[in-house]
């Protein structure tokens, strides 16, 4: 019986994806986003344009896929010894990346595609990071605000500033929002 559960990790599909993603990143560095075309990416990756169209549909979907991969966290969570210290350290790291010129371009690629798959993956990555910080804190015996409250009261307003006001959040703004979440948790609202 044949297993049809999906592509094998490390199989041809993974190699094609890696080559195409690498080609996109290289061409973006060399020419900028405006110079990207499916035929140019295909030529650089050593595949046919039809391979790209079959797998990704169009250039915007490919760019979103590359962006989602790049937005996936690479580093371990900071461990400062306290929940709110860990959360602040993660927020600073996360928003340093998101507020950078490349970070904003990646966010635009993810949000500029039809459907919600890319945005949903990014949301999942963010929630996983926050849950990991929460679980470590709870393991230390600390009280920690719910992930949803952190998303709504801290991440969302900071991301609004990055996306629409074109401003990187300050450490003071992050600290103020985290303190509001902690105060609400202590008051029983979070």
N, C-alpha and C. Protein backbone atom coordinates (compact mmCIF):
# COMPACT_ATOMS: atom_id res chain seq x y z
N UNK A 1 0.84 -1.18 0.00
CA UNK A 1 0.00 0.00 0.00
C UNK A 1 0.89 1.25 0.00
N UNK A 2 0.53 2.25 -0.75
CA UNK A 2 1.33 3.46 -0.88
C UNK A 2 0.87 4.51 0.12
N UNK A 3 1.85 5.16 0.76
CA UNK A 3 1.54 6.24 1.69
C UNK A 3 1.35 7.53 0.90
N UNK A 4 0.16 8.12 0.97
CA UNK A 4 -0.12 9.36 0.25
C UNK A 4 -0.36 10.51 1.23
N UNK A 5 0.34 10.48 2.35
CA UNK A 5 0.12 11.50 3.37
C UNK A 5 0.77 12.83 3.05
N UNK A 6 1.60 12.90 2.02
CA UNK A 6 2.24 14.16 1.66
C UNK A 6 3.66 13.92 1.23
N UNK A 7 4.34 14.99 0.85
CA UNK A 7 5.71 14.83 0.38
C UNK A 7 6.62 14.37 1.51
N UNK A 8 7.61 13.55 1.14
CA UNK A 8 8.57 13.08 2.12
C UNK A 8 9.49 14.23 2.51
N UNK A 9 9.79 14.37 3.80
CA UNK A 9 10.76 15.39 4.18
C UNK A 9 12.10 15.05 3.52
N UNK A 10 12.69 16.00 2.87
CA UNK A 10 13.97 15.75 2.22
C UNK A 10 13.82 15.14 0.84
N UNK A 11 12.60 14.86 0.39
CA UNK A 11 12.38 14.29 -0.94
C UNK A 11 12.50 15.35 -2.01
N UNK A 12 12.13 14.98 -3.24
CA UNK A 12 12.24 15.89 -4.37
C UNK A 12 11.43 17.16 -4.13
N UNK A 13 10.24 17.03 -3.57
CA UNK A 13 9.40 18.19 -3.31
C UNK A 13 10.10 19.18 -2.39
N UNK A 14 10.73 18.68 -1.35
CA UNK A 14 11.46 19.56 -0.42
C UNK A 14 12.64 20.22 -1.10
N UNK A 15 13.33 19.48 -1.96
CA UNK A 15 14.47 20.05 -2.68
C UNK A 15 14.01 21.15 -3.64
N UNK A 16 12.90 20.92 -4.34
CA UNK A 16 12.36 21.93 -5.25
C UNK A 16 11.97 23.18 -4.46
N UNK A 17 11.26 22.98 -3.35
CA UNK A 17 10.85 24.12 -2.54
C UNK A 17 12.07 24.90 -2.06
N UNK A 18 13.08 24.21 -1.56
CA UNK A 18 14.28 24.89 -1.07
C UNK A 18 14.97 25.66 -2.19
N UNK A 19 15.07 25.07 -3.37
CA UNK A 19 15.73 25.74 -4.50
C UNK A 19 14.95 26.97 -4.94
N UNK A 20 13.63 26.86 -5.00
CA UNK A 20 12.80 27.98 -5.42
C UNK A 20 12.84 29.10 -4.37
N UNK A 21 12.73 28.74 -3.10
CA UNK A 21 12.81 29.75 -2.04
C UNK A 21 14.16 30.47 -2.08
N UNK A 22 15.23 29.71 -2.24
CA UNK A 22 16.57 30.31 -2.32
C UNK A 22 16.67 31.25 -3.52
N UNK A 23 16.12 30.84 -4.64
CA UNK A 23 16.14 31.68 -5.84
C UNK A 23 15.40 32.99 -5.59
N UNK A 24 14.25 32.92 -4.94
CA UNK A 24 13.49 34.14 -4.62
C UNK A 24 14.33 35.06 -3.74
N UNK A 25 14.92 34.51 -2.68
CA UNK A 25 15.71 35.35 -1.77
C UNK A 25 16.89 36.00 -2.49
N UNK A 26 17.58 35.22 -3.33
CA UNK A 26 18.73 35.76 -4.07
C UNK A 26 18.30 36.86 -5.04
N UNK A 27 17.25 36.60 -5.80
CA UNK A 27 16.79 37.59 -6.77
C UNK A 27 16.27 38.85 -6.09
N UNK A 28 15.63 38.70 -4.95
CA UNK A 28 15.16 39.88 -4.21
C UNK A 28 16.35 40.73 -3.76
N UNK A 29 17.41 40.07 -3.29
CA UNK A 29 18.61 40.82 -2.87
C UNK A 29 19.25 41.53 -4.06
N UNK A 30 19.29 40.85 -5.20
CA UNK A 30 19.97 41.40 -6.38
C UNK A 30 19.14 42.46 -7.10
N UNK A 31 17.84 42.23 -7.25
CA UNK A 31 17.01 43.08 -8.10
C UNK A 31 15.89 43.80 -7.37
N UNK A 32 15.63 43.43 -6.16
CA UNK A 32 14.46 43.96 -5.47
C UNK A 32 13.22 43.18 -5.88
N UNK A 33 12.16 43.43 -5.19
CA UNK A 33 10.92 42.68 -5.42
C UNK A 33 10.32 42.97 -6.78
N UNK A 34 10.44 44.21 -7.24
CA UNK A 34 9.81 44.59 -8.50
C UNK A 34 10.39 43.85 -9.70
N UNK A 35 11.62 43.38 -9.59
CA UNK A 35 12.24 42.67 -10.71
C UNK A 35 11.95 41.19 -10.75
N UNK A 36 11.20 40.69 -9.78
CA UNK A 36 10.92 39.25 -9.73
C UNK A 36 9.85 38.84 -10.72
N UNK A 37 10.12 37.74 -11.42
CA UNK A 37 9.12 37.11 -12.29
C UNK A 37 9.20 35.62 -12.08
N UNK A 38 8.13 34.92 -12.37
CA UNK A 38 8.15 33.47 -12.25
C UNK A 38 9.21 32.86 -13.16
N UNK A 39 9.33 33.27 -14.44
CA UNK A 39 10.38 32.69 -15.28
C UNK A 39 11.80 32.92 -14.72
N UNK A 40 12.05 34.10 -14.15
CA UNK A 40 13.38 34.37 -13.58
C UNK A 40 13.65 33.48 -12.37
N UNK A 41 12.66 33.32 -11.51
CA UNK A 41 12.81 32.46 -10.34
C UNK A 41 13.04 31.02 -10.79
N UNK A 42 12.24 30.57 -11.76
CA UNK A 42 12.37 29.20 -12.25
C UNK A 42 13.76 28.96 -12.83
N UNK A 43 14.24 29.90 -13.63
CA UNK A 43 15.57 29.74 -14.23
C UNK A 43 16.64 29.65 -13.15
N UNK A 44 16.56 30.52 -12.15
CA UNK A 44 17.55 30.51 -11.07
C UNK A 44 17.48 29.22 -10.26
N UNK A 45 16.27 28.70 -10.06
CA UNK A 45 16.07 27.50 -9.24
C UNK A 45 16.33 26.21 -10.01
N UNK A 46 16.41 26.32 -11.34
CA UNK A 46 16.62 25.12 -12.15
C UNK A 46 15.37 24.28 -12.31
N UNK A 47 14.21 24.94 -12.32
CA UNK A 47 12.94 24.24 -12.54
C UNK A 47 12.21 24.96 -13.67
N UNK A 48 11.13 24.38 -14.13
CA UNK A 48 10.34 25.04 -15.17
C UNK A 48 9.33 25.99 -14.52
N UNK A 49 8.92 27.03 -15.22
CA UNK A 49 7.87 27.90 -14.67
C UNK A 49 6.60 27.13 -14.32
N UNK A 50 6.29 26.10 -15.09
CA UNK A 50 5.07 25.34 -14.79
C UNK A 50 5.16 24.67 -13.42
N UNK A 51 6.36 24.31 -12.98
CA UNK A 51 6.53 23.74 -11.64
C UNK A 51 6.09 24.76 -10.59
N UNK A 52 6.49 25.99 -10.79
CA UNK A 52 6.13 27.05 -9.83
C UNK A 52 4.63 27.32 -9.88
N UNK A 53 4.08 27.44 -11.08
CA UNK A 53 2.63 27.69 -11.19
C UNK A 53 1.82 26.55 -10.59
N UNK A 54 2.26 25.32 -10.81
CA UNK A 54 1.54 24.16 -10.29
C UNK A 54 1.56 24.15 -8.76
N UNK A 55 2.69 24.47 -8.18
CA UNK A 55 2.82 24.38 -6.73
C UNK A 55 2.30 25.61 -5.99
N UNK A 56 2.57 26.81 -6.54
CA UNK A 56 2.23 28.04 -5.84
C UNK A 56 1.10 28.83 -6.48
N UNK A 57 0.79 28.58 -7.73
CA UNK A 57 -0.30 29.30 -8.39
C UNK A 57 0.15 30.57 -9.09
N UNK A 58 0.79 31.46 -8.36
CA UNK A 58 1.27 32.69 -8.97
C UNK A 58 2.41 33.26 -8.13
N UNK A 59 2.98 34.36 -8.59
CA UNK A 59 4.13 34.95 -7.91
C UNK A 59 3.78 35.44 -6.51
N UNK A 60 2.60 36.02 -6.34
CA UNK A 60 2.24 36.53 -5.02
C UNK A 60 2.14 35.41 -3.99
N UNK A 61 1.60 34.26 -4.39
CA UNK A 61 1.52 33.11 -3.48
C UNK A 61 2.91 32.59 -3.14
N UNK A 62 3.80 32.57 -4.13
CA UNK A 62 5.18 32.14 -3.89
C UNK A 62 5.86 33.10 -2.91
N UNK A 63 5.71 34.40 -3.13
CA UNK A 63 6.32 35.38 -2.24
C UNK A 63 5.78 35.24 -0.82
N UNK A 64 4.49 34.98 -0.69
CA UNK A 64 3.90 34.78 0.63
C UNK A 64 4.47 33.54 1.30
N UNK A 65 4.66 32.47 0.53
CA UNK A 65 5.22 31.24 1.09
C UNK A 65 6.65 31.47 1.58
N UNK A 66 7.44 32.18 0.80
CA UNK A 66 8.82 32.49 1.21
C UNK A 66 8.80 33.38 2.45
N UNK A 67 7.89 34.35 2.48
CA UNK A 67 7.79 35.24 3.63
C UNK A 67 7.42 34.48 4.89
N UNK A 68 6.45 33.58 4.79
CA UNK A 68 6.04 32.79 5.95
C UNK A 68 7.22 31.99 6.47
N UNK A 69 7.98 31.39 5.57
CA UNK A 69 9.16 30.63 5.99
C UNK A 69 10.15 31.52 6.73
N UNK A 70 10.36 32.72 6.22
CA UNK A 70 11.31 33.63 6.84
C UNK A 70 10.80 34.21 8.15
N UNK A 71 9.50 34.29 8.31
CA UNK A 71 8.93 34.82 9.54
C UNK A 71 8.88 33.77 10.65
N UNK A 72 9.12 32.53 10.31
CA UNK A 72 9.13 31.46 11.30
C UNK A 72 10.31 31.69 12.25
N UNK A 73 10.09 31.59 13.56
CA UNK A 73 11.17 31.85 14.51
C UNK A 73 12.32 30.88 14.35
N UNK A 74 13.54 31.41 14.44
CA UNK A 74 14.74 30.58 14.32
C UNK A 74 15.42 30.38 15.66
N UNK A 75 15.22 31.30 16.58
CA UNK A 75 15.95 31.29 17.83
C UNK A 75 15.11 30.72 18.96
N UNK A 76 15.81 30.21 19.97
CA UNK A 76 15.12 29.74 21.17
C UNK A 76 14.57 30.95 21.92
N UNK A 77 13.55 30.71 22.70
CA UNK A 77 12.96 31.78 23.48
C UNK A 77 13.95 32.30 24.51
N UNK A 78 14.00 33.62 24.72
CA UNK A 78 14.87 34.16 25.76
C UNK A 78 14.39 33.68 27.13
N UNK A 79 15.31 33.39 28.02
CA UNK A 79 14.97 32.95 29.38
C UNK A 79 15.62 33.91 30.37
N UNK A 80 14.84 34.87 30.84
CA UNK A 80 15.35 35.87 31.78
C UNK A 80 15.07 35.47 33.23
N UNK A 81 14.29 34.41 33.42
CA UNK A 81 13.96 33.97 34.76
C UNK A 81 12.59 34.39 35.24
N UNK A 82 11.89 35.23 34.45
CA UNK A 82 10.53 35.63 34.82
C UNK A 82 9.66 35.71 33.57
N UNK A 83 8.38 35.50 33.75
CA UNK A 83 7.46 35.53 32.62
C UNK A 83 7.51 36.87 31.90
N UNK A 84 7.36 37.96 32.64
CA UNK A 84 7.30 39.26 31.99
C UNK A 84 8.66 39.68 31.44
N UNK A 85 9.74 39.25 32.06
CA UNK A 85 11.07 39.50 31.49
C UNK A 85 11.24 38.75 30.19
N UNK A 86 10.81 37.48 30.17
CA UNK A 86 10.89 36.67 28.94
C UNK A 86 10.01 37.28 27.84
N UNK A 87 8.81 37.71 28.22
CA UNK A 87 7.88 38.28 27.25
C UNK A 87 8.45 39.57 26.65
N UNK A 88 9.00 40.43 27.49
CA UNK A 88 9.60 41.68 26.99
C UNK A 88 10.79 41.40 26.08
N UNK A 89 11.63 40.45 26.47
CA UNK A 89 12.80 40.11 25.63
C UNK A 89 12.33 39.58 24.28
N UNK A 90 11.30 38.72 24.28
CA UNK A 90 10.78 38.19 23.02
C UNK A 90 10.17 39.30 22.18
N UNK A 91 9.37 40.18 22.81
CA UNK A 91 8.74 41.28 22.07
C UNK A 91 9.79 42.17 21.40
N UNK A 92 10.85 42.49 22.12
CA UNK A 92 11.90 43.34 21.54
C UNK A 92 12.53 42.66 20.33
N UNK A 93 12.84 41.38 20.47
CA UNK A 93 13.44 40.62 19.37
C UNK A 93 12.47 40.52 18.19
N UNK A 94 11.24 40.18 18.47
CA UNK A 94 10.22 39.99 17.44
C UNK A 94 9.98 41.29 16.67
N UNK A 95 9.79 42.38 17.40
CA UNK A 95 9.48 43.64 16.72
C UNK A 95 10.70 44.31 16.10
N UNK A 96 11.89 43.98 16.57
CA UNK A 96 13.09 44.43 15.84
C UNK A 96 13.06 43.85 14.43
N UNK A 97 12.70 42.58 14.33
CA UNK A 97 12.63 41.91 13.03
C UNK A 97 11.45 42.42 12.20
N UNK A 98 10.27 42.50 12.80
CA UNK A 98 9.08 42.89 12.05
C UNK A 98 9.12 44.34 11.59
N UNK A 99 9.72 45.24 12.38
CA UNK A 99 9.74 46.66 12.04
C UNK A 99 10.88 47.02 11.08
N UNK A 100 11.76 46.08 10.80
CA UNK A 100 12.85 46.35 9.86
C UNK A 100 12.27 46.45 8.44
N UNK A 101 13.03 47.03 7.53
CA UNK A 101 12.57 47.13 6.14
C UNK A 101 12.28 45.74 5.57
N UNK A 102 13.20 44.75 5.73
CA UNK A 102 12.87 43.41 5.21
C UNK A 102 11.67 42.79 5.93
N UNK A 103 11.55 43.03 7.23
CA UNK A 103 10.42 42.48 7.98
C UNK A 103 9.09 43.02 7.48
N UNK A 104 9.04 44.32 7.24
CA UNK A 104 7.81 44.93 6.72
C UNK A 104 7.48 44.39 5.33
N UNK A 105 8.51 44.20 4.51
CA UNK A 105 8.27 43.64 3.16
C UNK A 105 7.70 42.23 3.27
N UNK A 106 8.23 41.43 4.19
CA UNK A 106 7.72 40.07 4.38
C UNK A 106 6.27 40.11 4.84
N UNK A 107 5.97 40.99 5.78
CA UNK A 107 4.58 41.10 6.25
C UNK A 107 3.65 41.51 5.12
N UNK A 108 4.08 42.44 4.28
CA UNK A 108 3.24 42.86 3.14
C UNK A 108 3.02 41.69 2.19
N UNK A 109 4.07 40.88 1.96
CA UNK A 109 3.91 39.72 1.08
C UNK A 109 2.89 38.74 1.64
N UNK A 110 2.96 38.49 2.94
CA UNK A 110 2.02 37.55 3.56
C UNK A 110 0.60 38.10 3.52
N UNK A 111 0.44 39.36 3.85
CA UNK A 111 -0.90 39.95 3.94
C UNK A 111 -1.47 40.33 2.58
N UNK A 112 -0.63 40.41 1.56
CA UNK A 112 -1.08 40.83 0.24
C UNK A 112 -1.59 39.71 -0.64
N UNK A 113 -1.69 38.52 -0.13
CA UNK A 113 -2.16 37.40 -0.94
C UNK A 113 -3.60 37.05 -0.57
N UNK A 114 -4.34 36.52 -1.55
CA UNK A 114 -5.71 36.10 -1.24
C UNK A 114 -5.70 34.94 -0.24
N UNK A 115 -6.75 34.85 0.50
CA UNK A 115 -6.86 33.77 1.48
C UNK A 115 -6.12 34.15 2.76
N UNK A 116 -6.17 33.25 3.72
CA UNK A 116 -5.60 33.55 5.03
C UNK A 116 -4.55 32.53 5.46
N UNK A 117 -4.12 31.66 4.55
CA UNK A 117 -3.20 30.61 4.94
C UNK A 117 -1.89 31.17 5.49
N UNK A 118 -1.28 32.10 4.78
CA UNK A 118 -0.01 32.68 5.23
C UNK A 118 -0.17 33.43 6.53
N UNK A 119 -1.19 34.26 6.61
CA UNK A 119 -1.44 35.02 7.84
C UNK A 119 -1.74 34.06 8.99
N UNK A 120 -2.48 33.01 8.71
CA UNK A 120 -2.78 32.02 9.74
C UNK A 120 -1.54 31.32 10.27
N UNK A 121 -0.60 31.02 9.37
CA UNK A 121 0.66 30.41 9.80
C UNK A 121 1.45 31.37 10.68
N UNK A 122 1.50 32.63 10.30
CA UNK A 122 2.21 33.63 11.11
C UNK A 122 1.56 33.77 12.48
N UNK A 123 0.24 33.79 12.52
CA UNK A 123 -0.48 33.84 13.78
C UNK A 123 -0.12 32.62 14.63
N UNK A 124 -0.08 31.46 14.00
CA UNK A 124 0.28 30.24 14.72
C UNK A 124 1.68 30.30 15.30
N UNK A 125 2.64 30.81 14.52
CA UNK A 125 4.02 30.94 15.01
C UNK A 125 4.06 31.86 16.24
N UNK A 126 3.36 32.98 16.15
CA UNK A 126 3.35 33.95 17.25
C UNK A 126 2.73 33.33 18.50
N UNK A 127 1.61 32.66 18.33
CA UNK A 127 0.95 32.02 19.47
C UNK A 127 1.83 30.93 20.09
N UNK A 128 2.53 30.16 19.24
CA UNK A 128 3.43 29.12 19.76
C UNK A 128 4.53 29.74 20.61
N UNK A 129 5.08 30.84 20.14
CA UNK A 129 6.14 31.51 20.89
C UNK A 129 5.63 31.98 22.25
N UNK A 130 4.47 32.61 22.25
CA UNK A 130 3.92 33.11 23.51
C UNK A 130 3.56 31.96 24.43
N UNK A 131 2.98 30.89 23.89
CA UNK A 131 2.65 29.72 24.72
C UNK A 131 3.90 29.09 25.32
N UNK A 132 4.99 29.04 24.56
CA UNK A 132 6.24 28.48 25.09
C UNK A 132 6.73 29.32 26.28
N UNK A 133 6.63 30.63 26.15
CA UNK A 133 7.03 31.52 27.25
C UNK A 133 6.12 31.29 28.46
N UNK A 134 4.82 31.19 28.21
CA UNK A 134 3.84 30.95 29.30
C UNK A 134 4.10 29.62 30.00
N UNK A 135 4.29 28.56 29.20
CA UNK A 135 4.49 27.24 29.79
C UNK A 135 5.74 27.20 30.66
N UNK A 136 6.81 27.84 30.20
CA UNK A 136 8.04 27.87 30.99
C UNK A 136 7.78 28.62 32.31
N UNK A 137 7.05 29.73 32.24
CA UNK A 137 6.75 30.50 33.45
C UNK A 137 5.89 29.70 34.42
N UNK A 138 4.88 29.04 33.89
CA UNK A 138 4.00 28.22 34.74
C UNK A 138 4.80 27.09 35.37
N UNK A 139 5.74 26.52 34.62
CA UNK A 139 6.62 25.49 35.16
C UNK A 139 7.48 26.00 36.30
N UNK A 140 7.76 27.30 36.31
CA UNK A 140 8.53 27.92 37.41
C UNK A 140 7.62 28.32 38.56
N UNK A 141 6.31 28.09 38.40
CA UNK A 141 5.36 28.44 39.46
C UNK A 141 4.82 29.86 39.37
N UNK A 142 5.04 30.51 38.25
CA UNK A 142 4.57 31.89 38.08
C UNK A 142 3.14 31.92 37.54
N UNK A 143 2.48 33.03 37.77
CA UNK A 143 1.20 33.32 37.13
C UNK A 143 1.52 33.99 35.80
N UNK A 144 0.77 33.68 34.77
CA UNK A 144 1.03 34.27 33.46
C UNK A 144 -0.28 34.58 32.77
N UNK A 145 -0.34 35.73 32.12
CA UNK A 145 -1.53 36.11 31.36
C UNK A 145 -1.76 35.11 30.23
N UNK A 146 -3.00 34.99 29.81
CA UNK A 146 -3.36 34.11 28.70
C UNK A 146 -2.76 34.64 27.40
N UNK A 147 -2.41 33.72 26.51
CA UNK A 147 -1.82 34.10 25.22
C UNK A 147 -2.74 35.03 24.44
N UNK A 148 -4.03 34.76 24.46
CA UNK A 148 -4.98 35.60 23.72
C UNK A 148 -4.95 37.04 24.20
N UNK A 149 -4.83 37.24 25.50
CA UNK A 149 -4.76 38.60 26.05
C UNK A 149 -3.47 39.30 25.60
N UNK A 150 -2.40 38.56 25.53
CA UNK A 150 -1.13 39.13 25.07
C UNK A 150 -1.23 39.51 23.60
N UNK A 151 -1.86 38.65 22.81
CA UNK A 151 -2.04 38.95 21.38
C UNK A 151 -2.88 40.23 21.22
N UNK A 152 -4.02 40.27 21.90
CA UNK A 152 -4.96 41.38 21.74
C UNK A 152 -4.44 42.69 22.34
N UNK A 153 -3.85 42.61 23.52
CA UNK A 153 -3.48 43.84 24.25
C UNK A 153 -2.05 44.31 24.02
N UNK A 154 -1.20 43.43 23.50
CA UNK A 154 0.21 43.82 23.32
C UNK A 154 0.62 43.70 21.85
N UNK A 155 0.54 42.49 21.30
CA UNK A 155 1.04 42.27 19.94
C UNK A 155 0.24 43.07 18.91
N UNK A 156 -1.09 43.03 19.00
CA UNK A 156 -1.92 43.71 17.99
C UNK A 156 -1.66 45.22 17.93
N UNK A 157 -1.65 45.94 19.04
CA UNK A 157 -1.39 47.38 18.92
C UNK A 157 0.03 47.68 18.41
N UNK A 158 0.99 46.87 18.80
CA UNK A 158 2.36 47.09 18.32
C UNK A 158 2.45 46.81 16.82
N UNK A 159 1.78 45.74 16.38
CA UNK A 159 1.80 45.39 14.95
C UNK A 159 1.07 46.46 14.13
N UNK A 160 0.03 47.03 14.68
CA UNK A 160 -0.66 48.12 13.99
C UNK A 160 0.32 49.25 13.70
N UNK A 161 1.11 49.60 14.70
CA UNK A 161 2.11 50.65 14.51
C UNK A 161 3.12 50.30 13.43
N UNK A 162 3.55 49.05 13.39
CA UNK A 162 4.51 48.62 12.37
C UNK A 162 3.89 48.68 10.98
N UNK A 163 2.68 48.16 10.83
CA UNK A 163 2.06 48.05 9.51
C UNK A 163 1.48 49.35 8.98
N UNK A 164 0.84 50.12 9.84
CA UNK A 164 0.09 51.27 9.35
C UNK A 164 0.69 52.62 9.70
N UNK A 165 1.42 52.70 10.79
CA UNK A 165 2.03 53.97 11.18
C UNK A 165 3.52 54.00 10.83
N UNK A 166 4.02 52.88 10.31
CA UNK A 166 5.42 52.77 9.89
C UNK A 166 6.38 53.13 11.03
N UNK A 167 6.06 52.67 12.24
CA UNK A 167 6.93 52.96 13.36
C UNK A 167 7.27 51.70 14.13
N UNK A 168 8.54 51.63 14.50
CA UNK A 168 8.98 50.53 15.36
C UNK A 168 8.54 50.86 16.78
N UNK A 169 8.03 49.87 17.50
CA UNK A 169 7.60 50.15 18.86
C UNK A 169 8.80 50.40 19.77
N UNK A 170 8.65 51.33 20.67
CA UNK A 170 9.72 51.61 21.62
C UNK A 170 9.67 50.61 22.76
N UNK A 171 10.79 50.46 23.44
CA UNK A 171 10.84 49.58 24.61
C UNK A 171 9.86 50.09 25.68
N UNK A 172 9.73 51.41 25.80
CA UNK A 172 8.80 51.98 26.79
C UNK A 172 7.35 51.61 26.46
N UNK A 173 6.99 51.63 25.18
CA UNK A 173 5.63 51.27 24.77
C UNK A 173 5.36 49.80 25.06
N UNK A 174 6.34 48.95 24.74
CA UNK A 174 6.18 47.52 25.03
C UNK A 174 5.99 47.29 26.52
N UNK A 175 6.83 47.93 27.32
CA UNK A 175 6.75 47.77 28.77
C UNK A 175 5.40 48.25 29.29
N UNK A 176 4.92 49.37 28.80
CA UNK A 176 3.62 49.89 29.25
C UNK A 176 2.49 48.91 28.93
N UNK A 177 2.50 48.35 27.72
CA UNK A 177 1.45 47.39 27.35
C UNK A 177 1.54 46.11 28.17
N UNK A 178 2.74 45.62 28.40
CA UNK A 178 2.91 44.41 29.21
C UNK A 178 2.45 44.68 30.64
N UNK A 179 2.75 45.85 31.17
CA UNK A 179 2.29 46.19 32.53
C UNK A 179 0.77 46.25 32.60
N UNK A 180 0.13 46.74 31.55
CA UNK A 180 -1.34 46.77 31.51
C UNK A 180 -1.91 45.36 31.55
N UNK A 181 -1.29 44.44 30.80
CA UNK A 181 -1.75 43.05 30.80
C UNK A 181 -1.56 42.44 32.19
N UNK A 182 -0.43 42.71 32.81
CA UNK A 182 -0.17 42.17 34.14
C UNK A 182 -1.16 42.75 35.15
N UNK A 183 -1.44 44.03 35.07
CA UNK A 183 -2.41 44.65 35.98
C UNK A 183 -3.80 44.04 35.78
N UNK A 184 -4.19 43.82 34.54
CA UNK A 184 -5.49 43.21 34.24
C UNK A 184 -5.54 41.77 34.76
N UNK A 185 -4.43 41.04 34.60
CA UNK A 185 -4.40 39.66 35.10
C UNK A 185 -4.57 39.65 36.61
N UNK A 186 -3.87 40.55 37.28
CA UNK A 186 -3.97 40.61 38.75
C UNK A 186 -5.37 41.01 39.20
N UNK A 187 -6.01 41.84 38.40
CA UNK A 187 -7.38 42.27 38.73
C UNK A 187 -8.42 41.22 38.34
N UNK A 188 -7.96 40.17 37.64
CA UNK A 188 -8.86 39.09 37.26
C UNK A 188 -9.48 39.24 35.89
N UNK A 189 -9.04 40.22 35.11
CA UNK A 189 -9.62 40.44 33.78
C UNK A 189 -8.86 39.73 32.68
N UNK A 190 -7.66 39.24 32.94
CA UNK A 190 -6.88 38.60 31.87
C UNK A 190 -6.73 37.13 32.12
